[in-house]
Amino acid sequence: MKLDLILDSGSQCSYITKNVCKRLALHFLGSKSVSIATFESRKEQSKSCEVVKIGLELKNNQLIELKLLVVPHICEPISNAAVALEKYPKLKFLPFASDMEHSRQIKPEILLGCDQYWSLVTGEVVKSESGPTAINTHLGWILTGHEAIRDLDDCDACYFNYTCNTGAWSD
């Protein structure tokens, strides 16, 4: 099954939606109590989340196992803007984890936080002269940063953190 995921080093835990758990017929391994504080909230909310395990296919066709907390919803759909890679000679030949040349709206069904982040990120980084930075992961390269936009009068930059489209399996 192909799923959209987002890498979020600002999140302490990793999550998967309840809908994906149902589609993959995942079995709960137990539960974990977590404190959740969302953007702009002033207080934490304690919540008990089920724990599941999935297999994630890497670009070298190997699988890694991830333990994830089950939540009803990760975030609203995110728009990924197309990137004109020809403007960035250092980046244009990198094997990206997702399509960089076409805009698309994604709805992340997995969020990988700092508990799983470095199991996927290799540490290799390529910076463009002026614009986005590419980060190598075991899923392919991803982009983060900004790219100038000429079409918008009230906005001079588009910020993005690209997601990966990857395969996930249950036991």
N, C-alpha and C. Protein backbone atom coordinates (compact mmCIF):
# COMPACT_ATOMS: atom_id res chain seq x y z
N MET A 1 0.85 -1.17 0.00
CA MET A 1 0.00 0.00 0.00
C MET A 1 0.89 1.24 0.00
N LYS A 2 0.61 2.17 -0.86
CA LYS A 2 1.35 3.43 -0.91
C LYS A 2 0.70 4.43 0.03
N LEU A 3 1.53 5.09 0.83
CA LEU A 3 1.04 6.06 1.80
C LEU A 3 1.89 7.32 1.76
N ASP A 4 1.28 8.45 2.05
CA ASP A 4 2.04 9.69 2.20
C ASP A 4 2.46 9.81 3.65
N LEU A 5 3.73 10.14 3.85
CA LEU A 5 4.22 10.36 5.21
C LEU A 5 4.98 11.66 5.26
N ILE A 6 5.08 12.18 6.46
CA ILE A 6 5.82 13.42 6.66
C ILE A 6 6.83 13.21 7.77
N LEU A 7 8.03 13.71 7.56
CA LEU A 7 9.07 13.68 8.59
C LEU A 7 8.97 14.97 9.38
N ASP A 8 8.85 14.85 10.70
CA ASP A 8 8.66 16.02 11.55
C ASP A 8 9.54 15.89 12.78
N SER A 9 10.74 16.47 12.72
CA SER A 9 11.67 16.36 13.85
C SER A 9 11.20 17.17 15.05
N GLY A 10 10.15 17.97 14.89
CA GLY A 10 9.59 18.73 16.00
C GLY A 10 8.62 17.92 16.84
N SER A 11 8.22 16.78 16.34
CA SER A 11 7.31 15.90 17.08
C SER A 11 8.15 14.87 17.84
N GLN A 12 7.82 14.63 19.09
CA GLN A 12 8.59 13.67 19.88
C GLN A 12 8.23 12.23 19.53
N CYS A 13 7.02 12.00 19.05
CA CYS A 13 6.55 10.64 18.75
C CYS A 13 6.16 10.53 17.28
N SER A 14 5.96 9.29 16.85
CA SER A 14 5.52 9.02 15.48
C SER A 14 4.10 8.47 15.51
N TYR A 15 3.33 8.80 14.47
CA TYR A 15 1.90 8.50 14.46
C TYR A 15 1.45 7.90 13.13
N ILE A 16 0.34 7.20 13.20
CA ILE A 16 -0.34 6.65 12.03
C ILE A 16 -1.84 6.86 12.24
N THR A 17 -2.58 7.07 11.17
CA THR A 17 -4.02 7.28 11.33
C THR A 17 -4.74 5.96 11.57
N LYS A 18 -5.84 6.07 12.28
CA LYS A 18 -6.69 4.91 12.56
C LYS A 18 -7.20 4.29 11.26
N ASN A 19 -7.49 5.13 10.27
CA ASN A 19 -7.98 4.65 8.98
C ASN A 19 -6.97 3.72 8.31
N VAL A 20 -5.69 4.07 8.33
CA VAL A 20 -4.66 3.22 7.73
C VAL A 20 -4.54 1.91 8.52
N CYS A 21 -4.64 2.00 9.83
CA CYS A 21 -4.59 0.78 10.65
C CYS A 21 -5.69 -0.20 10.25
N LYS A 22 -6.88 0.33 9.99
CA LYS A 22 -7.99 -0.53 9.55
C LYS A 22 -7.71 -1.12 8.18
N ARG A 23 -7.22 -0.28 7.24
CA ARG A 23 -6.95 -0.77 5.88
C ARG A 23 -5.86 -1.83 5.87
N LEU A 24 -4.88 -1.71 6.77
CA LEU A 24 -3.79 -2.70 6.84
C LEU A 24 -4.11 -3.84 7.81
N ALA A 25 -5.25 -3.77 8.47
CA ALA A 25 -5.66 -4.76 9.47
C ALA A 25 -4.56 -4.96 10.53
N LEU A 26 -4.06 -3.85 11.05
CA LEU A 26 -2.99 -3.91 12.05
C LEU A 26 -3.55 -4.31 13.40
N HIS A 27 -2.75 -5.04 14.15
CA HIS A 27 -3.12 -5.47 15.50
C HIS A 27 -2.46 -4.53 16.50
N PHE A 28 -3.21 -4.17 17.53
CA PHE A 28 -2.67 -3.31 18.57
C PHE A 28 -1.72 -4.10 19.45
N LEU A 29 -0.57 -3.49 19.75
CA LEU A 29 0.43 -4.12 20.61
C LEU A 29 0.26 -3.72 22.07
N GLY A 30 -0.57 -2.75 22.31
CA GLY A 30 -0.77 -2.19 23.65
C GLY A 30 -1.15 -0.74 23.51
N SER A 31 -1.02 0.00 24.58
CA SER A 31 -1.32 1.43 24.52
C SER A 31 -0.25 2.20 25.28
N LYS A 32 -0.19 3.49 24.98
CA LYS A 32 0.79 4.36 25.61
C LYS A 32 0.11 5.69 25.93
N SER A 33 0.37 6.20 27.11
CA SER A 33 -0.17 7.50 27.50
C SER A 33 0.79 8.58 27.03
N VAL A 34 0.26 9.56 26.31
CA VAL A 34 1.08 10.65 25.79
C VAL A 34 0.43 11.99 26.11
N SER A 35 1.25 13.01 26.19
CA SER A 35 0.76 14.38 26.34
C SER A 35 0.92 15.07 25.00
N ILE A 36 -0.17 15.58 24.47
CA ILE A 36 -0.15 16.20 23.15
C ILE A 36 -0.40 17.70 23.29
N ALA A 37 0.50 18.48 22.72
CA ALA A 37 0.35 19.93 22.65
C ALA A 37 0.47 20.31 21.18
N THR A 38 -0.59 20.83 20.62
CA THR A 38 -0.58 21.18 19.21
C THR A 38 -0.18 22.63 19.01
N PHE A 39 0.08 22.99 17.78
CA PHE A 39 0.46 24.35 17.42
C PHE A 39 -0.58 25.33 17.96
N GLU A 40 -0.12 26.39 18.57
CA GLU A 40 -0.91 27.46 19.15
C GLU A 40 -1.69 27.06 20.40
N SER A 41 -1.56 25.82 20.87
CA SER A 41 -2.26 25.48 22.11
C SER A 41 -1.40 25.90 23.30
N ARG A 42 -2.04 26.23 24.39
CA ARG A 42 -1.33 26.68 25.58
C ARG A 42 -1.19 25.60 26.63
N LYS A 43 -1.90 24.48 26.45
CA LYS A 43 -1.77 23.41 27.43
C LYS A 43 -1.78 22.06 26.74
N GLU A 44 -1.16 21.11 27.42
CA GLU A 44 -1.08 19.75 26.91
C GLU A 44 -2.37 19.00 27.22
N GLN A 45 -2.64 18.03 26.37
CA GLN A 45 -3.80 17.17 26.57
C GLN A 45 -3.29 15.74 26.71
N SER A 46 -3.61 15.08 27.82
CA SER A 46 -3.21 13.69 28.01
C SER A 46 -4.15 12.79 27.22
N LYS A 47 -3.55 11.79 26.57
CA LYS A 47 -4.33 10.90 25.73
C LYS A 47 -3.70 9.52 25.75
N SER A 48 -4.51 8.50 25.70
CA SER A 48 -4.02 7.14 25.58
C SER A 48 -4.12 6.74 24.12
N CYS A 49 -3.00 6.33 23.53
CA CYS A 49 -2.96 5.94 22.11
C CYS A 49 -2.58 4.47 22.00
N GLU A 50 -3.24 3.77 21.10
CA GLU A 50 -2.86 2.39 20.79
C GLU A 50 -1.51 2.42 20.08
N VAL A 51 -0.75 1.34 20.20
CA VAL A 51 0.55 1.20 19.55
C VAL A 51 0.45 0.09 18.51
N VAL A 52 0.96 0.35 17.30
CA VAL A 52 1.00 -0.66 16.24
C VAL A 52 2.41 -0.73 15.67
N LYS A 53 2.66 -1.78 14.92
CA LYS A 53 3.95 -1.96 14.26
C LYS A 53 3.68 -2.15 12.77
N ILE A 54 4.45 -1.43 11.94
CA ILE A 54 4.35 -1.61 10.49
C ILE A 54 5.74 -1.84 9.91
N GLY A 55 5.78 -2.37 8.71
CA GLY A 55 7.00 -2.46 7.94
C GLY A 55 7.00 -1.37 6.89
N LEU A 56 8.12 -0.69 6.75
CA LEU A 56 8.24 0.41 5.79
C LEU A 56 9.32 0.03 4.79
N GLU A 57 8.97 0.08 3.49
CA GLU A 57 9.93 -0.28 2.44
C GLU A 57 10.84 0.90 2.13
N LEU A 58 12.15 0.64 2.18
CA LEU A 58 13.15 1.67 1.88
C LEU A 58 13.50 1.63 0.41
N LYS A 59 14.28 2.63 -0.05
CA LYS A 59 14.62 2.70 -1.48
C LYS A 59 15.49 1.55 -1.94
N ASN A 60 16.18 0.87 -1.01
CA ASN A 60 17.00 -0.29 -1.38
C ASN A 60 16.22 -1.59 -1.27
N ASN A 61 14.90 -1.49 -1.18
CA ASN A 61 13.96 -2.61 -1.07
C ASN A 61 14.03 -3.36 0.25
N GLN A 62 14.78 -2.85 1.21
CA GLN A 62 14.76 -3.44 2.54
C GLN A 62 13.56 -2.91 3.31
N LEU A 63 13.19 -3.64 4.35
CA LEU A 63 12.09 -3.21 5.22
C LEU A 63 12.64 -2.85 6.58
N ILE A 64 12.08 -1.81 7.18
CA ILE A 64 12.35 -1.53 8.58
C ILE A 64 11.02 -1.56 9.32
N GLU A 65 11.08 -1.94 10.58
CA GLU A 65 9.87 -1.96 11.40
C GLU A 65 9.78 -0.66 12.19
N LEU A 66 8.59 -0.12 12.24
CA LEU A 66 8.33 1.10 12.99
C LEU A 66 7.19 0.86 13.96
N LYS A 67 7.35 1.34 15.18
CA LYS A 67 6.24 1.35 16.13
C LYS A 67 5.65 2.75 16.11
N LEU A 68 4.34 2.81 15.93
CA LEU A 68 3.64 4.08 15.77
C LEU A 68 2.44 4.16 16.70
N LEU A 69 2.11 5.37 17.10
CA LEU A 69 0.93 5.62 17.92
C LEU A 69 -0.25 5.91 16.99
N VAL A 70 -1.40 5.36 17.32
CA VAL A 70 -2.59 5.50 16.48
C VAL A 70 -3.39 6.74 16.91
N VAL A 71 -3.68 7.59 15.93
CA VAL A 71 -4.50 8.79 16.17
C VAL A 71 -5.58 8.87 15.08
N PRO A 72 -6.68 9.54 15.38
CA PRO A 72 -7.74 9.65 14.37
C PRO A 72 -7.33 10.49 13.16
N HIS A 73 -6.47 11.49 13.37
CA HIS A 73 -6.18 12.47 12.32
C HIS A 73 -4.78 13.04 12.56
N ILE A 74 -3.99 13.20 11.52
CA ILE A 74 -2.66 13.80 11.68
C ILE A 74 -2.71 15.29 11.36
N CYS A 75 -3.16 15.65 10.18
CA CYS A 75 -3.28 17.06 9.83
C CYS A 75 -4.17 17.20 8.61
N GLU A 76 -4.55 18.42 8.33
CA GLU A 76 -5.32 18.71 7.13
C GLU A 76 -4.41 18.51 5.91
N PRO A 77 -4.99 18.38 4.72
CA PRO A 77 -4.16 18.22 3.52
C PRO A 77 -3.13 19.34 3.37
N ILE A 78 -1.98 18.98 2.86
CA ILE A 78 -0.86 19.90 2.66
C ILE A 78 -0.61 20.03 1.16
N SER A 79 -0.44 21.26 0.70
CA SER A 79 -0.12 21.49 -0.72
C SER A 79 1.39 21.49 -0.89
N ASN A 80 1.87 20.62 -1.75
CA ASN A 80 3.28 20.62 -2.12
C ASN A 80 3.40 21.30 -3.47
N ALA A 81 4.08 22.43 -3.48
CA ALA A 81 4.27 23.19 -4.71
C ALA A 81 5.31 22.52 -5.60
N ALA A 82 5.13 22.67 -6.90
CA ALA A 82 6.13 22.18 -7.84
C ALA A 82 7.41 23.00 -7.65
N VAL A 83 8.54 22.36 -7.83
CA VAL A 83 9.83 23.02 -7.68
C VAL A 83 10.54 23.01 -9.04
N ALA A 84 11.00 24.16 -9.47
CA ALA A 84 11.73 24.27 -10.73
C ALA A 84 13.18 23.84 -10.49
N LEU A 85 13.41 22.53 -10.53
CA LEU A 85 14.74 21.99 -10.20
C LEU A 85 15.84 22.48 -11.13
N GLU A 86 15.49 22.88 -12.35
CA GLU A 86 16.51 23.37 -13.28
C GLU A 86 17.19 24.63 -12.76
N LYS A 87 16.56 25.34 -11.82
CA LYS A 87 17.17 26.53 -11.22
C LYS A 87 18.23 26.18 -10.19
N TYR A 88 18.31 24.92 -9.81
CA TYR A 88 19.21 24.50 -8.74
C TYR A 88 20.10 23.36 -9.24
N PRO A 89 21.22 23.70 -9.89
CA PRO A 89 22.09 22.68 -10.49
C PRO A 89 22.54 21.59 -9.51
N LYS A 90 22.75 21.94 -8.26
CA LYS A 90 23.20 20.95 -7.28
C LYS A 90 22.11 19.94 -6.93
N LEU A 91 20.87 20.28 -7.18
CA LEU A 91 19.75 19.44 -6.76
C LEU A 91 19.09 18.66 -7.89
N LYS A 92 19.23 19.13 -9.13
CA LYS A 92 18.37 18.62 -10.20
C LYS A 92 18.57 17.14 -10.55
N PHE A 93 19.69 16.54 -10.19
CA PHE A 93 19.89 15.13 -10.55
C PHE A 93 19.75 14.18 -9.36
N LEU A 94 19.31 14.69 -8.23
CA LEU A 94 19.14 13.83 -7.06
C LEU A 94 17.90 12.95 -7.21
N PRO A 95 17.97 11.70 -6.75
CA PRO A 95 16.79 10.82 -6.81
C PRO A 95 15.84 11.11 -5.65
N PHE A 96 14.83 11.94 -5.91
CA PHE A 96 13.91 12.38 -4.87
C PHE A 96 12.91 11.29 -4.50
N ALA A 97 12.44 11.36 -3.26
CA ALA A 97 11.47 10.40 -2.73
C ALA A 97 10.08 10.61 -3.32
N SER A 98 9.80 11.81 -3.79
CA SER A 98 8.50 12.08 -4.41
C SER A 98 8.69 13.03 -5.59
N ASP A 99 7.66 13.17 -6.37
CA ASP A 99 7.70 13.99 -7.57
C ASP A 99 7.86 15.46 -7.19
N MET A 100 8.92 16.09 -7.66
CA MET A 100 9.19 17.49 -7.35
C MET A 100 8.65 18.43 -8.42
N GLU A 101 8.37 17.91 -9.60
CA GLU A 101 8.05 18.77 -10.73
C GLU A 101 6.56 19.08 -10.88
N HIS A 102 5.72 18.44 -10.08
CA HIS A 102 4.28 18.67 -10.17
C HIS A 102 3.71 19.00 -8.80
N SER A 103 2.83 19.98 -8.77
CA SER A 103 2.14 20.32 -7.52
C SER A 103 1.14 19.22 -7.21
N ARG A 104 0.96 18.96 -5.94
CA ARG A 104 -0.09 18.03 -5.54
C ARG A 104 -0.44 18.27 -4.09
N GLN A 105 -1.63 17.90 -3.76
CA GLN A 105 -2.06 18.00 -2.38
C GLN A 105 -1.96 16.62 -1.75
N ILE A 106 -1.36 16.55 -0.58
CA ILE A 106 -1.20 15.27 0.10
C ILE A 106 -1.89 15.33 1.46
N LYS A 107 -2.29 14.17 1.92
CA LYS A 107 -2.87 14.05 3.25
C LYS A 107 -2.02 13.03 3.99
N PRO A 108 -1.06 13.49 4.79
CA PRO A 108 -0.17 12.55 5.48
C PRO A 108 -0.95 11.58 6.37
N GLU A 109 -0.65 10.30 6.21
CA GLU A 109 -1.28 9.26 7.02
C GLU A 109 -0.31 8.69 8.04
N ILE A 110 0.96 9.05 7.88
CA ILE A 110 1.99 8.69 8.86
C ILE A 110 2.83 9.94 9.11
N LEU A 111 3.10 10.23 10.36
CA LEU A 111 4.00 11.30 10.75
C LEU A 111 5.13 10.65 11.53
N LEU A 112 6.35 10.79 11.04
CA LEU A 112 7.51 10.23 11.73
C LEU A 112 8.21 11.35 12.48
N GLY A 113 8.16 11.26 13.80
CA GLY A 113 8.77 12.25 14.68
C GLY A 113 10.21 11.92 14.98
N CYS A 114 10.78 12.64 15.96
CA CYS A 114 12.21 12.48 16.25
C CYS A 114 12.55 11.10 16.81
N ASP A 115 11.56 10.33 17.29
CA ASP A 115 11.84 8.97 17.75
C ASP A 115 12.21 8.04 16.60
N GLN A 116 11.78 8.36 15.37
CA GLN A 116 12.08 7.54 14.19
C GLN A 116 12.91 8.29 13.14
N TYR A 117 13.03 9.60 13.29
CA TYR A 117 13.63 10.48 12.28
C TYR A 117 15.00 9.98 11.81
N TRP A 118 15.90 9.73 12.74
CA TRP A 118 17.27 9.37 12.35
C TRP A 118 17.42 7.92 11.89
N SER A 119 16.37 7.13 12.01
CA SER A 119 16.41 5.80 11.40
C SER A 119 16.18 5.90 9.90
N LEU A 120 15.68 7.07 9.44
CA LEU A 120 15.45 7.29 8.02
C LEU A 120 16.39 8.31 7.39
N VAL A 121 16.78 9.33 8.14
CA VAL A 121 17.64 10.39 7.61
C VAL A 121 19.10 9.95 7.70
N THR A 122 19.83 10.09 6.59
CA THR A 122 21.23 9.63 6.55
C THR A 122 22.21 10.65 7.10
N GLY A 123 21.82 11.92 7.11
CA GLY A 123 22.73 12.99 7.53
C GLY A 123 23.37 13.72 6.37
N GLU A 124 23.23 13.18 5.16
CA GLU A 124 23.79 13.82 3.97
C GLU A 124 22.87 14.96 3.52
N VAL A 125 23.45 16.14 3.31
CA VAL A 125 22.69 17.35 2.97
C VAL A 125 23.33 18.01 1.76
N VAL A 126 22.50 18.50 0.84
CA VAL A 126 22.98 19.29 -0.31
C VAL A 126 22.20 20.60 -0.30
N LYS A 127 22.94 21.71 -0.17
CA LYS A 127 22.30 23.04 -0.15
C LYS A 127 22.40 23.66 -1.53
N SER A 128 21.29 24.25 -1.97
CA SER A 128 21.34 25.00 -3.22
C SER A 128 21.96 26.36 -2.93
N GLU A 129 22.35 27.08 -3.98
CA GLU A 129 22.97 28.39 -3.79
C GLU A 129 22.02 29.36 -3.10
N SER A 130 20.78 29.40 -3.56
CA SER A 130 19.77 30.26 -2.94
C SER A 130 18.42 29.59 -3.13
N GLY A 131 17.97 28.93 -2.10
CA GLY A 131 16.70 28.22 -2.20
C GLY A 131 16.69 27.00 -1.31
N PRO A 132 16.04 25.94 -1.77
CA PRO A 132 15.83 24.78 -0.91
C PRO A 132 17.10 23.99 -0.61
N THR A 133 17.00 23.18 0.43
CA THR A 133 18.06 22.26 0.84
C THR A 133 17.53 20.84 0.70
N ALA A 134 18.34 19.96 0.15
CA ALA A 134 17.96 18.55 0.01
C ALA A 134 18.58 17.75 1.14
N ILE A 135 17.80 16.83 1.69
CA ILE A 135 18.25 15.95 2.77
C ILE A 135 18.07 14.52 2.29
N ASN A 136 19.12 13.72 2.41
CA ASN A 136 19.04 12.33 1.97
C ASN A 136 18.39 11.48 3.06
N THR A 137 17.46 10.63 2.64
CA THR A 137 16.83 9.67 3.55
C THR A 137 16.90 8.29 2.91
N HIS A 138 16.59 7.28 3.69
CA HIS A 138 16.55 5.92 3.16
C HIS A 138 15.32 5.69 2.28
N LEU A 139 14.50 6.73 2.10
CA LEU A 139 13.35 6.69 1.20
C LEU A 139 13.61 7.47 -0.08
N GLY A 140 14.74 8.15 -0.16
CA GLY A 140 15.07 9.05 -1.26
C GLY A 140 15.31 10.44 -0.70
N TRP A 141 15.72 11.36 -1.55
CA TRP A 141 16.00 12.72 -1.13
C TRP A 141 14.69 13.47 -0.91
N ILE A 142 14.67 14.37 0.08
CA ILE A 142 13.53 15.24 0.32
C ILE A 142 14.03 16.68 0.32
N LEU A 143 13.12 17.62 0.08
CA LEU A 143 13.47 19.03 0.08
C LEU A 143 12.86 19.72 1.28
N THR A 144 13.57 20.70 1.76
CA THR A 144 13.04 21.57 2.80
C THR A 144 13.59 22.96 2.54
N GLY A 145 12.88 23.98 2.98
CA GLY A 145 13.35 25.34 2.77
C GLY A 145 12.35 26.18 2.03
N HIS A 146 12.86 27.09 1.23
CA HIS A 146 11.98 28.00 0.50
C HIS A 146 12.44 28.18 -0.93
N GLU A 147 11.49 28.63 -1.74
CA GLU A 147 11.77 28.96 -3.13
C GLU A 147 11.03 30.25 -3.43
N ALA A 148 11.69 31.19 -4.08
CA ALA A 148 11.05 32.48 -4.40
C ALA A 148 9.91 32.28 -5.37
N ILE A 149 8.87 33.07 -5.18
CA ILE A 149 7.70 33.05 -6.06
C ILE A 149 7.52 34.45 -6.63
N ARG A 150 7.38 34.54 -7.94
CA ARG A 150 7.20 35.84 -8.56
C ARG A 150 5.74 36.18 -8.78
N ASP A 151 4.86 35.19 -8.79
CA ASP A 151 3.47 35.41 -9.15
C ASP A 151 2.63 36.03 -8.04
N LEU A 152 3.05 35.88 -6.80
CA LEU A 152 2.23 36.33 -5.69
C LEU A 152 2.70 37.69 -5.19
N ASP A 153 1.79 38.67 -5.19
CA ASP A 153 2.14 40.02 -4.73
C ASP A 153 2.41 40.08 -3.24
N ASP A 154 1.62 39.35 -2.46
CA ASP A 154 1.72 39.46 -1.00
C ASP A 154 2.59 38.37 -0.37
N CYS A 155 3.24 37.56 -1.17
CA CYS A 155 4.06 36.48 -0.61
C CYS A 155 5.30 36.32 -1.47
N ASP A 156 6.47 36.43 -0.86
CA ASP A 156 7.69 36.34 -1.66
C ASP A 156 8.38 34.99 -1.54
N ALA A 157 7.82 34.08 -0.75
CA ALA A 157 8.47 32.78 -0.61
C ALA A 157 7.44 31.70 -0.37
N CYS A 158 7.77 30.53 -0.82
CA CYS A 158 6.93 29.35 -0.57
C CYS A 158 7.76 28.39 0.27
N TYR A 159 7.30 28.07 1.44
CA TYR A 159 8.03 27.16 2.32
C TYR A 159 7.45 25.77 2.18
N PHE A 160 8.30 24.79 2.14
CA PHE A 160 7.81 23.44 1.97
C PHE A 160 8.69 22.45 2.70
N ASN A 161 8.10 21.37 3.07
CA ASN A 161 8.81 20.23 3.63
C ASN A 161 8.21 19.03 2.94
N TYR A 162 8.92 18.49 1.97
CA TYR A 162 8.34 17.47 1.13
C TYR A 162 8.11 16.16 1.84
N THR A 163 7.06 15.53 1.44
CA THR A 163 6.69 14.25 2.01
C THR A 163 7.14 13.14 1.09
N CYS A 164 7.10 11.96 1.59
CA CYS A 164 7.48 10.78 0.83
C CYS A 164 6.24 9.96 0.54
N ASN A 165 6.24 9.31 -0.60
CA ASN A 165 5.21 8.35 -0.91
C ASN A 165 5.89 7.00 -0.86
N THR A 166 5.46 6.16 0.06
CA THR A 166 6.20 4.93 0.28
C THR A 166 5.27 3.77 0.56
N GLY A 167 5.80 2.59 0.53
CA GLY A 167 5.01 1.39 0.80
C GLY A 167 5.05 1.02 2.26
N ALA A 168 3.94 0.51 2.78
CA ALA A 168 3.88 0.05 4.16
C ALA A 168 3.15 -1.28 4.19
N TRP A 169 3.59 -2.15 5.07
CA TRP A 169 2.99 -3.47 5.19
C TRP A 169 2.73 -3.81 6.64
N SER A 170 1.75 -4.66 6.84
CA SER A 170 1.52 -5.21 8.17
C SER A 170 2.13 -6.60 8.23
N ASP A 171 2.20 -7.16 9.44
CA ASP A 171 2.77 -8.51 9.59
C ASP A 171 1.98 -9.56 8.87
